[in-house]
Amino acid sequence: MLCDRVVVLNRGRLIALDTPGALVAQVGGVCGGNPQQRAAAVSAGPGQG
């Protein structure tokens, strides 16, 4: 593993801070697509994205 924690910033605002596995679980493996949709999925939290 390359890191223990990941920070996700959107326009300079912290929207997520967690382990890589937890962040992937929160967004359901979302990859690619619209950056605003990805940010919303992470911000919404587990099961809300």
PDB file of N, CA and C in Angstrom:
ATOM      1  N   MET A   1       0.846  -1.164   0.000  1.00  0.00           N
ATOM      2  CA  MET A   1       0.000   0.000   0.000  1.00  0.00           C
ATOM      3  C   MET A   1       0.895   1.232   0.000  1.00  0.00           C
ATOM      4  N   LEU A   2       0.464   2.238  -0.745  1.00  0.00           N
ATOM      5  CA  LEU A   2       1.256   3.452  -0.852  1.00  0.00           C
ATOM      6  C   LEU A   2       1.002   4.463   0.262  1.00  0.00           C
ATOM      7  N   CYS A   3      -0.179   4.408   0.853  1.00  0.00           N
ATOM      8  CA  CYS A   3      -0.486   5.380   1.905  1.00  0.00           C
ATOM      9  C   CYS A   3      -1.488   4.799   2.899  1.00  0.00           C
ATOM     10  N   ASP A   4      -1.537   5.425   4.077  1.00  0.00           N
ATOM     11  CA  ASP A   4      -2.479   5.016   5.119  1.00  0.00           C
ATOM     12  C   ASP A   4      -3.756   5.842   5.087  1.00  0.00           C
ATOM     13  N   ARG A   5      -3.640   7.081   4.649  1.00  0.00           N
ATOM     14  CA  ARG A   5      -4.770   8.012   4.606  1.00  0.00           C
ATOM     15  C   ARG A   5      -4.777   8.756   3.282  1.00  0.00           C
ATOM     16  N   VAL A   6      -5.981   9.144   2.847  1.00  0.00           N
ATOM     17  CA  VAL A   6      -6.149   9.922   1.625  1.00  0.00           C
ATOM     18  C   VAL A   6      -7.003  11.132   1.961  1.00  0.00           C
ATOM     19  N   VAL A   7      -6.623  12.278   1.422  1.00  0.00           N
ATOM     20  CA  VAL A   7      -7.400  13.505   1.568  1.00  0.00           C
ATOM     21  C   VAL A   7      -7.959  13.844   0.189  1.00  0.00           C
ATOM     22  N   VAL A   8      -9.244  14.208   0.154  1.00  0.00           N
ATOM     23  CA  VAL A   8      -9.865  14.652  -1.083  1.00  0.00           C
ATOM     24  C   VAL A   8     -10.264  16.105  -0.883  1.00  0.00           C
ATOM     25  N   LEU A   9      -9.758  16.970  -1.781  1.00  0.00           N
ATOM     26  CA  LEU A   9     -10.068  18.392  -1.744  1.00  0.00           C
ATOM     27  C   LEU A   9     -10.904  18.749  -2.961  1.00  0.00           C
ATOM     28  N   ASN A  10     -11.841  19.660  -2.779  1.00  0.00           N
ATOM     29  CA  ASN A  10     -12.646  20.171  -3.873  1.00  0.00           C
ATOM     30  C   ASN A  10     -12.661  21.680  -3.754  1.00  0.00           C
ATOM     31  N   ARG A  11     -12.023  22.348  -4.709  1.00  0.00           N
ATOM     32  CA  ARG A  11     -11.919  23.813  -4.687  1.00  0.00           C
ATOM     33  C   ARG A  11     -11.334  24.318  -3.374  1.00  0.00           C
ATOM     34  N   GLY A  12     -10.329  23.609  -2.886  1.00  0.00           N
ATOM     35  CA  GLY A  12      -9.639  24.017  -1.680  1.00  0.00           C
ATOM     36  C   GLY A  12     -10.301  23.616  -0.377  1.00  0.00           C
ATOM     37  N   ARG A  13     -11.443  22.951  -0.454  1.00  0.00           N
ATOM     38  CA  ARG A  13     -12.159  22.526   0.758  1.00  0.00           C
ATOM     39  C   ARG A  13     -11.975  21.035   0.963  1.00  0.00           C
ATOM     40  N   LEU A  14     -11.709  20.660   2.210  1.00  0.00           N
ATOM     41  CA  LEU A  14     -11.584  19.251   2.566  1.00  0.00           C
ATOM     42  C   LEU A  14     -12.965  18.611   2.522  1.00  0.00           C
ATOM     43  N   ILE A  15     -13.114  17.571   1.671  1.00  0.00           N
ATOM     44  CA  ILE A  15     -14.412  16.906   1.606  1.00  0.00           C
ATOM     45  C   ILE A  15     -14.338  15.466   2.079  1.00  0.00           C
ATOM     46  N   ALA A  16     -13.125  14.915   2.189  1.00  0.00           N
ATOM     47  CA  ALA A  16     -13.001  13.545   2.681  1.00  0.00           C
ATOM     48  C   ALA A  16     -11.595  13.310   3.199  1.00  0.00           C
ATOM     49  N   LEU A  17     -11.514  12.531   4.262  1.00  0.00           N
ATOM     50  CA  LEU A  17     -10.250  12.107   4.845  1.00  0.00           C
ATOM     51  C   LEU A  17     -10.485  10.739   5.450  1.00  0.00           C
ATOM     52  N   ASP A  18      -9.836   9.718   4.881  1.00  0.00           N
ATOM     53  CA  ASP A  18     -10.044   8.362   5.372  1.00  0.00           C
ATOM     54  C   ASP A  18      -8.999   7.446   4.743  1.00  0.00           C
ATOM     55  N   THR A  19      -9.113   6.175   5.047  1.00  0.00           N
ATOM     56  CA  THR A  19      -8.231   5.190   4.422  1.00  0.00           C
ATOM     57  C   THR A  19      -8.677   4.983   2.971  1.00  0.00           C
ATOM     58  N   PRO A  20      -7.773   4.533   2.104  1.00  0.00           N
ATOM     59  CA  PRO A  20      -8.165   4.289   0.714  1.00  0.00           C
ATOM     60  C   PRO A  20      -9.349   3.331   0.598  1.00  0.00           C
ATOM     61  N   GLY A  21      -9.336   2.252   1.351  1.00  0.00           N
ATOM     62  CA  GLY A  21     -10.423   1.279   1.286  1.00  0.00           C
ATOM     63  C   GLY A  21     -11.756   1.856   1.719  1.00  0.00           C
ATOM     64  N   ALA A  22     -11.746   2.671   2.770  1.00  0.00           N
ATOM     65  CA  ALA A  22     -12.988   3.271   3.258  1.00  0.00           C
ATOM     66  C   ALA A  22     -13.552   4.264   2.246  1.00  0.00           C
ATOM     67  N   LEU A  23     -12.682   5.025   1.597  1.00  0.00           N
ATOM     68  CA  LEU A  23     -13.157   5.979   0.592  1.00  0.00           C
ATOM     69  C   LEU A  23     -13.749   5.257  -0.612  1.00  0.00           C
ATOM     70  N   VAL A  24     -13.114   4.195  -1.055  1.00  0.00           N
ATOM     71  CA  VAL A  24     -13.656   3.411  -2.170  1.00  0.00           C
ATOM     72  C   VAL A  24     -15.011   2.829  -1.784  1.00  0.00           C
ATOM     73  N   ALA A  25     -15.141   2.350  -0.560  1.00  0.00           N
ATOM     74  CA  ALA A  25     -16.416   1.795  -0.106  1.00  0.00           C
ATOM     75  C   ALA A  25     -17.505   2.867  -0.075  1.00  0.00           C
ATOM     76  N   GLN A  26     -17.149   4.089   0.288  1.00  0.00           N
ATOM     77  CA  GLN A  26     -18.123   5.176   0.358  1.00  0.00           C
ATOM     78  C   GLN A  26     -18.693   5.526  -1.001  1.00  0.00           C
ATOM     79  N   VAL A  27     -17.861   5.509  -2.030  1.00  0.00           N
ATOM     80  CA  VAL A  27     -18.323   5.920  -3.368  1.00  0.00           C
ATOM     81  C   VAL A  27     -18.665   4.727  -4.247  1.00  0.00           C
ATOM     82  N   GLY A  28     -18.552   3.538  -3.718  1.00  0.00           N
ATOM     83  CA  GLY A  28     -18.916   2.353  -4.489  1.00  0.00           C
ATOM     84  C   GLY A  28     -17.997   2.083  -5.650  1.00  0.00           C
ATOM     85  N   GLY A  29     -16.745   2.509  -5.552  1.00  0.00           N
ATOM     86  CA  GLY A  29     -15.785   2.256  -6.622  1.00  0.00           C
ATOM     87  C   GLY A  29     -15.947   3.174  -7.811  1.00  0.00           C
ATOM     88  N   VAL A  30     -16.593   4.333  -7.642  1.00  0.00           N
ATOM     89  CA  VAL A  30     -16.771   5.286  -8.735  1.00  0.00           C
ATOM     90  C   VAL A  30     -15.400   5.709  -9.241  1.00  0.00           C
ATOM     91  N   CYS A  31     -15.230   5.652 -10.543  1.00  0.00           N
ATOM     92  CA  CYS A  31     -13.959   6.060 -11.149  1.00  0.00           C
ATOM     93  C   CYS A  31     -14.263   6.721 -12.478  1.00  0.00           C
ATOM     94  N   GLY A  32     -13.622   7.825 -12.752  1.00  0.00           N
ATOM     95  CA  GLY A  32     -13.866   8.524 -14.006  1.00  0.00           C
ATOM     96  C   GLY A  32     -15.154   9.318 -13.941  1.00  0.00           C
ATOM     97  N   GLY A  33     -15.584   9.818 -15.075  1.00  0.00           N
ATOM     98  CA  GLY A  33     -16.836  10.562 -15.142  1.00  0.00           C
ATOM     99  C   GLY A  33     -16.695  11.991 -14.668  1.00  0.00           C
ATOM    100  N   ASN A  34     -17.791  12.554 -14.259  1.00  0.00           N
ATOM    101  CA  ASN A  34     -17.895  13.949 -13.875  1.00  0.00           C
ATOM    102  C   ASN A  34     -17.268  14.193 -12.500  1.00  0.00           C
ATOM    103  N   PRO A  35     -16.303  15.114 -12.403  1.00  0.00           N
ATOM    104  CA  PRO A  35     -15.652  15.375 -11.111  1.00  0.00           C
ATOM    105  C   PRO A  35     -16.628  15.846 -10.025  1.00  0.00           C
ATOM    106  N   GLN A  36     -17.650  16.622 -10.397  1.00  0.00           N
ATOM    107  CA  GLN A  36     -18.622  17.097  -9.422  1.00  0.00           C
ATOM    108  C   GLN A  36     -19.444  15.928  -8.864  1.00  0.00           C
ATOM    109  N   GLN A  37     -19.769  14.955  -9.708  1.00  0.00           N
ATOM    110  CA  GLN A  37     -20.504  13.783  -9.240  1.00  0.00           C
ATOM    111  C   GLN A  37     -19.655  12.967  -8.280  1.00  0.00           C
ATOM    112  N   ARG A  38     -18.368  12.811  -8.585  1.00  0.00           N
ATOM    113  CA  ARG A  38     -17.477  12.066  -7.683  1.00  0.00           C
ATOM    114  C   ARG A  38     -17.364  12.790  -6.350  1.00  0.00           C
ATOM    115  N   ALA A  39     -17.194  14.117  -6.380  1.00  0.00           N
ATOM    116  CA  ALA A  39     -17.080  14.887  -5.142  1.00  0.00           C
ATOM    117  C   ALA A  39     -18.356  14.773  -4.322  1.00  0.00           C
ATOM    118  N   ALA A  40     -19.505  14.819  -4.974  1.00  0.00           N
ATOM    119  CA  ALA A  40     -20.783  14.701  -4.269  1.00  0.00           C
ATOM    120  C   ALA A  40     -20.914  13.325  -3.637  1.00  0.00           C
ATOM    121  N   ALA A  41     -20.459  12.290  -4.329  1.00  0.00           N
ATOM    122  CA  ALA A  41     -20.561  10.929  -3.799  1.00  0.00           C
ATOM    123  C   ALA A  41     -19.710  10.794  -2.540  1.00  0.00           C
ATOM    124  N   VAL A  42     -18.531  11.362  -2.539  1.00  0.00           N
ATOM    125  CA  VAL A  42     -17.651  11.287  -1.367  1.00  0.00           C
ATOM    126  C   VAL A  42     -18.225  12.126  -0.232  1.00  0.00           C
ATOM    127  N   SER A  43     -18.704  13.335  -0.543  1.00  0.00           N
ATOM    128  CA  SER A  43     -19.255  14.222   0.479  1.00  0.00           C
ATOM    129  C   SER A  43     -20.486  13.655   1.142  1.00  0.00           C
ATOM    130  N   ALA A  44     -21.284  12.896   0.375  1.00  0.00           N
ATOM    131  CA  ALA A  44     -22.537  12.356   0.897  1.00  0.00           C
ATOM    132  C   ALA A  44     -22.307  11.322   1.984  1.00  0.00           C
ATOM    133  N   GLY A  45     -21.161  10.645   1.943  1.00  0.00           N
ATOM    134  CA  GLY A  45     -20.858   9.647   2.950  1.00  0.00           C
ATOM    135  C   GLY A  45     -21.322   8.261   2.551  1.00  0.00           C
ATOM    136  N   PRO A  46     -21.114   7.305   3.423  1.00  0.00           N
ATOM    137  CA  PRO A  46     -21.423   5.904   3.116  1.00  0.00           C
ATOM    138  C   PRO A  46     -22.890   5.686   2.735  1.00  0.00           C
ATOM    139  N   GLY A  47     -23.092   4.977   1.625  1.00  0.00           N
ATOM    140  CA  GLY A  47     -24.433   4.609   1.197  1.00  0.00           C
ATOM    141  C   GLY A  47     -25.282   5.724   0.642  1.00  0.00           C
ATOM    142  N   GLN A  48     -24.746   6.934   0.553  1.00  0.00           N
ATOM    143  CA  GLN A  48     -25.520   8.065   0.072  1.00  0.00           C
ATOM    144  C   GLN A  48     -25.122   8.504  -1.324  1.00  0.00           C
ATOM    145  N   GLY A  49     -23.984   8.005  -1.830  1.00  0.00           N
ATOM    146  CA  GLY A  49     -23.466   8.451  -3.127  1.00  0.00           C
ATOM    147  C   GLY A  49     -24.022   7.663  -4.181  1.00  0.00           C
TER     148      GLY A  49
END
